[in-house]
Amino acid sequence: MPDDLTSKQRSHLKRLAHPLKPILQIGKEGVTDAAADSVEDAFRTRELLKVKVQNTAPLDVREAAAILRDRLDGVRVVQTIGRTAVLYRPDPEEPEIRLPT
């Protein structure tokens, strides 16, 4: 799915993500199946999350975010800042986050 968020929607999601702590760290193994599964599991209980890419990872934060976006249905990359990626996926049945239009 392309990152089809408007600048207003992206700004809204960035504000919501600011206080969040990373739920997963990508290390020297890169984006493994287990890492992708952990992100998938996290999206079952939340719509917005942060993923941290360690210095030892074989890829940078943008590459890791793109891999997760491509491997998981409906995931959008809100932003990458430093070594942290903010990912968003609305709940298919009952989305909690209302995006501005």
N, C-alpha and C. Protein backbone atom coordinates (compact mmCIF):
# COMPACT_ATOMS: atom_id res chain seq x y z
N MET A 1 0.85 -1.18 0.00
CA MET A 1 0.00 0.00 0.00
C MET A 1 0.89 1.24 0.00
N PRO A 2 0.60 2.18 -0.85
CA PRO A 2 1.41 3.40 -0.86
C PRO A 2 1.16 4.22 0.40
N ASP A 3 2.11 5.06 0.72
CA ASP A 3 1.94 5.95 1.86
C ASP A 3 1.10 7.14 1.41
N ASP A 4 -0.20 6.96 1.42
CA ASP A 4 -1.12 7.94 0.85
C ASP A 4 -1.72 8.88 1.89
N LEU A 5 -0.97 9.15 2.93
CA LEU A 5 -1.44 10.06 3.97
C LEU A 5 -1.23 11.51 3.51
N THR A 6 -2.20 12.36 3.80
CA THR A 6 -2.03 13.78 3.51
C THR A 6 -1.11 14.39 4.56
N SER A 7 -0.62 15.58 4.31
CA SER A 7 0.27 16.22 5.28
C SER A 7 -0.47 16.50 6.59
N LYS A 8 -1.76 16.82 6.50
CA LYS A 8 -2.56 17.06 7.71
C LYS A 8 -2.71 15.76 8.52
N GLN A 9 -2.97 14.64 7.84
CA GLN A 9 -3.10 13.35 8.51
C GLN A 9 -1.77 12.93 9.13
N ARG A 10 -0.70 13.12 8.37
CA ARG A 10 0.63 12.76 8.86
C ARG A 10 0.97 13.58 10.11
N SER A 11 0.68 14.86 10.08
CA SER A 11 0.93 15.73 11.23
C SER A 11 0.13 15.28 12.45
N HIS A 12 -1.13 14.91 12.24
CA HIS A 12 -1.98 14.43 13.32
C HIS A 12 -1.39 13.16 13.95
N LEU A 13 -0.97 12.23 13.10
CA LEU A 13 -0.40 10.97 13.60
C LEU A 13 0.94 11.20 14.31
N LYS A 14 1.73 12.14 13.83
CA LYS A 14 3.00 12.46 14.50
C LYS A 14 2.75 12.97 15.92
N ARG A 15 1.73 13.84 16.05
CA ARG A 15 1.39 14.35 17.39
C ARG A 15 0.98 13.21 18.32
N LEU A 16 0.17 12.29 17.81
CA LEU A 16 -0.27 11.16 18.64
C LEU A 16 0.88 10.23 18.99
N ALA A 17 1.84 10.10 18.09
CA ALA A 17 2.96 9.17 18.30
C ALA A 17 4.03 9.72 19.23
N HIS A 18 4.08 11.04 19.36
CA HIS A 18 5.17 11.66 20.12
C HIS A 18 5.42 11.03 21.50
N PRO A 19 4.39 10.80 22.32
CA PRO A 19 4.66 10.26 23.66
C PRO A 19 4.90 8.74 23.68
N LEU A 20 4.72 8.06 22.57
CA LEU A 20 4.84 6.60 22.56
C LEU A 20 6.29 6.16 22.69
N LYS A 21 6.48 5.00 23.30
CA LYS A 21 7.79 4.37 23.38
C LYS A 21 7.87 3.30 22.29
N PRO A 22 9.07 3.03 21.75
CA PRO A 22 9.20 1.96 20.75
C PRO A 22 8.79 0.61 21.34
N ILE A 23 8.03 -0.16 20.56
CA ILE A 23 7.57 -1.46 21.03
C ILE A 23 8.48 -2.59 20.57
N LEU A 24 9.38 -2.28 19.63
CA LEU A 24 10.25 -3.31 19.08
C LEU A 24 11.57 -2.67 18.67
N GLN A 25 12.64 -3.44 18.78
CA GLN A 25 13.93 -2.97 18.32
C GLN A 25 14.45 -3.92 17.25
N ILE A 26 14.88 -3.34 16.15
CA ILE A 26 15.48 -4.11 15.05
C ILE A 26 16.98 -4.09 15.28
N GLY A 27 17.57 -5.29 15.40
CA GLY A 27 19.00 -5.37 15.70
C GLY A 27 19.82 -5.90 14.54
N LYS A 28 20.91 -6.60 14.89
CA LYS A 28 21.87 -7.02 13.87
C LYS A 28 21.31 -8.04 12.88
N GLU A 29 20.20 -8.67 13.21
CA GLU A 29 19.58 -9.62 12.29
C GLU A 29 18.74 -8.93 11.22
N GLY A 30 18.45 -7.65 11.43
CA GLY A 30 17.60 -6.94 10.47
C GLY A 30 16.13 -7.23 10.73
N VAL A 31 15.31 -7.05 9.70
CA VAL A 31 13.87 -7.30 9.83
C VAL A 31 13.62 -8.79 9.59
N THR A 32 13.59 -9.54 10.67
CA THR A 32 13.37 -10.98 10.59
C THR A 32 11.88 -11.29 10.56
N ASP A 33 11.55 -12.54 10.30
CA ASP A 33 10.15 -12.97 10.36
C ASP A 33 9.59 -12.73 11.76
N ALA A 34 10.41 -13.00 12.77
CA ALA A 34 9.95 -12.80 14.15
C ALA A 34 9.67 -11.32 14.42
N ALA A 35 10.51 -10.44 13.89
CA ALA A 35 10.29 -9.00 14.08
C ALA A 35 9.00 -8.57 13.39
N ALA A 36 8.79 -9.03 12.16
CA ALA A 36 7.57 -8.70 11.43
C ALA A 36 6.34 -9.25 12.16
N ASP A 37 6.47 -10.46 12.71
CA ASP A 37 5.36 -11.05 13.47
C ASP A 37 5.07 -10.24 14.73
N SER A 38 6.10 -9.73 15.38
CA SER A 38 5.91 -8.91 16.58
C SER A 38 5.17 -7.62 16.24
N VAL A 39 5.51 -7.00 15.12
CA VAL A 39 4.83 -5.78 14.70
C VAL A 39 3.38 -6.11 14.36
N GLU A 40 3.16 -7.21 13.66
CA GLU A 40 1.80 -7.65 13.33
C GLU A 40 0.98 -7.84 14.60
N ASP A 41 1.57 -8.50 15.60
CA ASP A 41 0.88 -8.72 16.87
C ASP A 41 0.56 -7.39 17.55
N ALA A 42 1.50 -6.46 17.52
CA ALA A 42 1.28 -5.16 18.15
C ALA A 42 0.12 -4.41 17.49
N PHE A 43 -0.02 -4.57 16.18
CA PHE A 43 -1.11 -3.90 15.47
C PHE A 43 -2.48 -4.50 15.82
N ARG A 44 -2.50 -5.63 16.49
CA ARG A 44 -3.79 -6.20 16.92
C ARG A 44 -4.39 -5.41 18.08
N THR A 45 -3.54 -4.69 18.82
CA THR A 45 -4.05 -3.96 19.99
C THR A 45 -3.88 -2.45 19.88
N ARG A 46 -3.22 -1.99 18.85
CA ARG A 46 -3.03 -0.54 18.67
C ARG A 46 -2.92 -0.23 17.18
N GLU A 47 -3.09 1.02 16.86
CA GLU A 47 -3.05 1.43 15.45
C GLU A 47 -1.79 2.22 15.10
N LEU A 48 -1.09 2.69 16.11
CA LEU A 48 0.07 3.53 15.89
C LEU A 48 1.20 3.02 16.78
N LEU A 49 2.38 2.83 16.21
CA LEU A 49 3.48 2.33 17.02
C LEU A 49 4.82 2.81 16.49
N LYS A 50 5.80 2.70 17.36
CA LYS A 50 7.17 3.08 17.01
C LYS A 50 8.04 1.83 17.01
N VAL A 51 8.98 1.81 16.07
CA VAL A 51 9.97 0.74 15.96
C VAL A 51 11.34 1.40 15.94
N LYS A 52 12.25 0.92 16.76
CA LYS A 52 13.60 1.48 16.84
C LYS A 52 14.57 0.57 16.09
N VAL A 53 15.44 1.17 15.29
CA VAL A 53 16.47 0.42 14.57
C VAL A 53 17.81 0.69 15.25
N GLN A 54 18.40 -0.37 15.76
CA GLN A 54 19.67 -0.26 16.49
C GLN A 54 20.83 0.09 15.55
N ASN A 55 21.90 0.62 16.12
CA ASN A 55 23.10 0.94 15.34
C ASN A 55 23.71 -0.31 14.70
N THR A 56 23.48 -1.47 15.32
CA THR A 56 24.07 -2.71 14.81
C THR A 56 23.26 -3.31 13.65
N ALA A 57 22.12 -2.75 13.35
CA ALA A 57 21.28 -3.29 12.27
C ALA A 57 21.96 -3.11 10.92
N PRO A 58 21.76 -4.08 10.01
CA PRO A 58 22.40 -3.99 8.70
C PRO A 58 21.71 -3.03 7.73
N LEU A 59 20.67 -2.35 8.19
CA LEU A 59 19.94 -1.43 7.32
C LEU A 59 19.56 -0.19 8.10
N ASP A 60 19.24 0.86 7.38
CA ASP A 60 18.87 2.09 8.09
C ASP A 60 17.37 2.09 8.39
N VAL A 61 16.93 3.11 9.09
CA VAL A 61 15.55 3.16 9.58
C VAL A 61 14.55 3.22 8.42
N ARG A 62 14.88 3.93 7.35
CA ARG A 62 13.96 4.02 6.20
C ARG A 62 13.80 2.68 5.52
N GLU A 63 14.90 1.96 5.38
CA GLU A 63 14.84 0.63 4.76
C GLU A 63 14.01 -0.33 5.62
N ALA A 64 14.24 -0.31 6.93
CA ALA A 64 13.49 -1.18 7.84
C ALA A 64 12.00 -0.86 7.78
N ALA A 65 11.66 0.42 7.79
CA ALA A 65 10.25 0.83 7.74
C ALA A 65 9.62 0.38 6.43
N ALA A 66 10.34 0.53 5.33
CA ALA A 66 9.81 0.12 4.02
C ALA A 66 9.59 -1.39 3.96
N ILE A 67 10.50 -2.15 4.54
CA ILE A 67 10.35 -3.61 4.56
C ILE A 67 9.11 -4.00 5.36
N LEU A 68 8.94 -3.40 6.54
CA LEU A 68 7.75 -3.70 7.36
C LEU A 68 6.48 -3.28 6.63
N ARG A 69 6.49 -2.12 5.99
CA ARG A 69 5.32 -1.65 5.23
C ARG A 69 4.97 -2.65 4.14
N ASP A 70 5.98 -3.14 3.44
CA ASP A 70 5.73 -4.06 2.33
C ASP A 70 5.32 -5.45 2.79
N ARG A 71 5.79 -5.88 3.94
CA ARG A 71 5.48 -7.24 4.42
C ARG A 71 4.14 -7.34 5.15
N LEU A 72 3.65 -6.23 5.70
CA LEU A 72 2.43 -6.26 6.49
C LEU A 72 1.33 -5.48 5.78
N ASP A 73 0.18 -6.09 5.64
CA ASP A 73 -0.94 -5.45 4.93
C ASP A 73 -1.39 -4.18 5.62
N GLY A 74 -1.58 -3.14 4.82
CA GLY A 74 -2.21 -1.92 5.30
C GLY A 74 -1.34 -1.00 6.13
N VAL A 75 -0.06 -1.31 6.30
CA VAL A 75 0.81 -0.48 7.13
C VAL A 75 1.29 0.74 6.33
N ARG A 76 1.27 1.87 6.99
CA ARG A 76 1.78 3.12 6.40
C ARG A 76 2.90 3.64 7.27
N VAL A 77 3.91 4.18 6.64
CA VAL A 77 5.01 4.81 7.37
C VAL A 77 4.64 6.27 7.56
N VAL A 78 4.47 6.67 8.82
CA VAL A 78 4.12 8.05 9.14
C VAL A 78 5.37 8.92 9.04
N GLN A 79 6.45 8.46 9.68
CA GLN A 79 7.70 9.21 9.64
C GLN A 79 8.84 8.33 10.10
N THR A 80 10.04 8.73 9.73
CA THR A 80 11.25 8.17 10.31
C THR A 80 12.02 9.36 10.86
N ILE A 81 12.46 9.21 12.10
CA ILE A 81 13.20 10.30 12.74
C ILE A 81 14.31 9.66 13.57
N GLY A 82 15.53 10.07 13.29
CA GLY A 82 16.66 9.44 13.95
C GLY A 82 16.72 7.98 13.55
N ARG A 83 16.64 7.11 14.53
CA ARG A 83 16.64 5.67 14.26
C ARG A 83 15.29 5.04 14.59
N THR A 84 14.25 5.87 14.60
CA THR A 84 12.92 5.41 14.96
C THR A 84 11.95 5.62 13.80
N ALA A 85 11.11 4.61 13.57
CA ALA A 85 10.06 4.71 12.55
C ALA A 85 8.71 4.69 13.25
N VAL A 86 7.80 5.52 12.77
CA VAL A 86 6.42 5.53 13.26
C VAL A 86 5.56 4.88 12.19
N LEU A 87 4.85 3.83 12.59
CA LEU A 87 4.01 3.06 11.67
C LEU A 87 2.55 3.18 12.08
N TYR A 88 1.68 3.17 11.08
CA TYR A 88 0.24 3.31 11.33
C TYR A 88 -0.52 2.28 10.50
N ARG A 89 -1.49 1.65 11.14
CA ARG A 89 -2.43 0.79 10.43
C ARG A 89 -3.77 0.87 11.16
N PRO A 90 -4.81 1.39 10.48
CA PRO A 90 -6.11 1.48 11.14
C PRO A 90 -6.69 0.10 11.41
N ASP A 91 -7.41 0.00 12.51
CA ASP A 91 -8.12 -1.24 12.82
C ASP A 91 -9.18 -1.46 11.74
N PRO A 92 -9.25 -2.67 11.16
CA PRO A 92 -10.20 -2.89 10.06
C PRO A 92 -11.67 -2.80 10.47
N GLU A 93 -11.98 -3.16 11.71
CA GLU A 93 -13.38 -3.13 12.16
C GLU A 93 -13.75 -1.86 12.92
N GLU A 94 -12.92 -1.50 13.88
CA GLU A 94 -13.25 -0.36 14.73
C GLU A 94 -12.04 0.57 14.89
N PRO A 95 -11.77 1.40 13.88
CA PRO A 95 -10.60 2.29 14.02
C PRO A 95 -10.82 3.28 15.17
N GLU A 96 -9.78 3.44 16.00
CA GLU A 96 -9.85 4.36 17.12
C GLU A 96 -9.37 5.75 16.71
N ILE A 97 -8.37 5.78 15.84
CA ILE A 97 -7.81 7.06 15.41
C ILE A 97 -8.63 7.60 14.24
N ARG A 98 -9.14 8.80 14.42
CA ARG A 98 -9.89 9.48 13.36
C ARG A 98 -8.95 10.44 12.65
N LEU A 99 -8.68 10.17 11.39
CA LEU A 99 -7.78 11.04 10.64
C LEU A 99 -8.53 12.25 10.12
N PRO A 100 -7.91 13.42 10.18
CA PRO A 100 -8.54 14.61 9.60
C PRO A 100 -8.59 14.47 8.07
N THR A 101 -9.56 15.12 7.48
CA THR A 101 -9.67 15.05 6.02
C THR A 101 -9.08 16.26 5.34
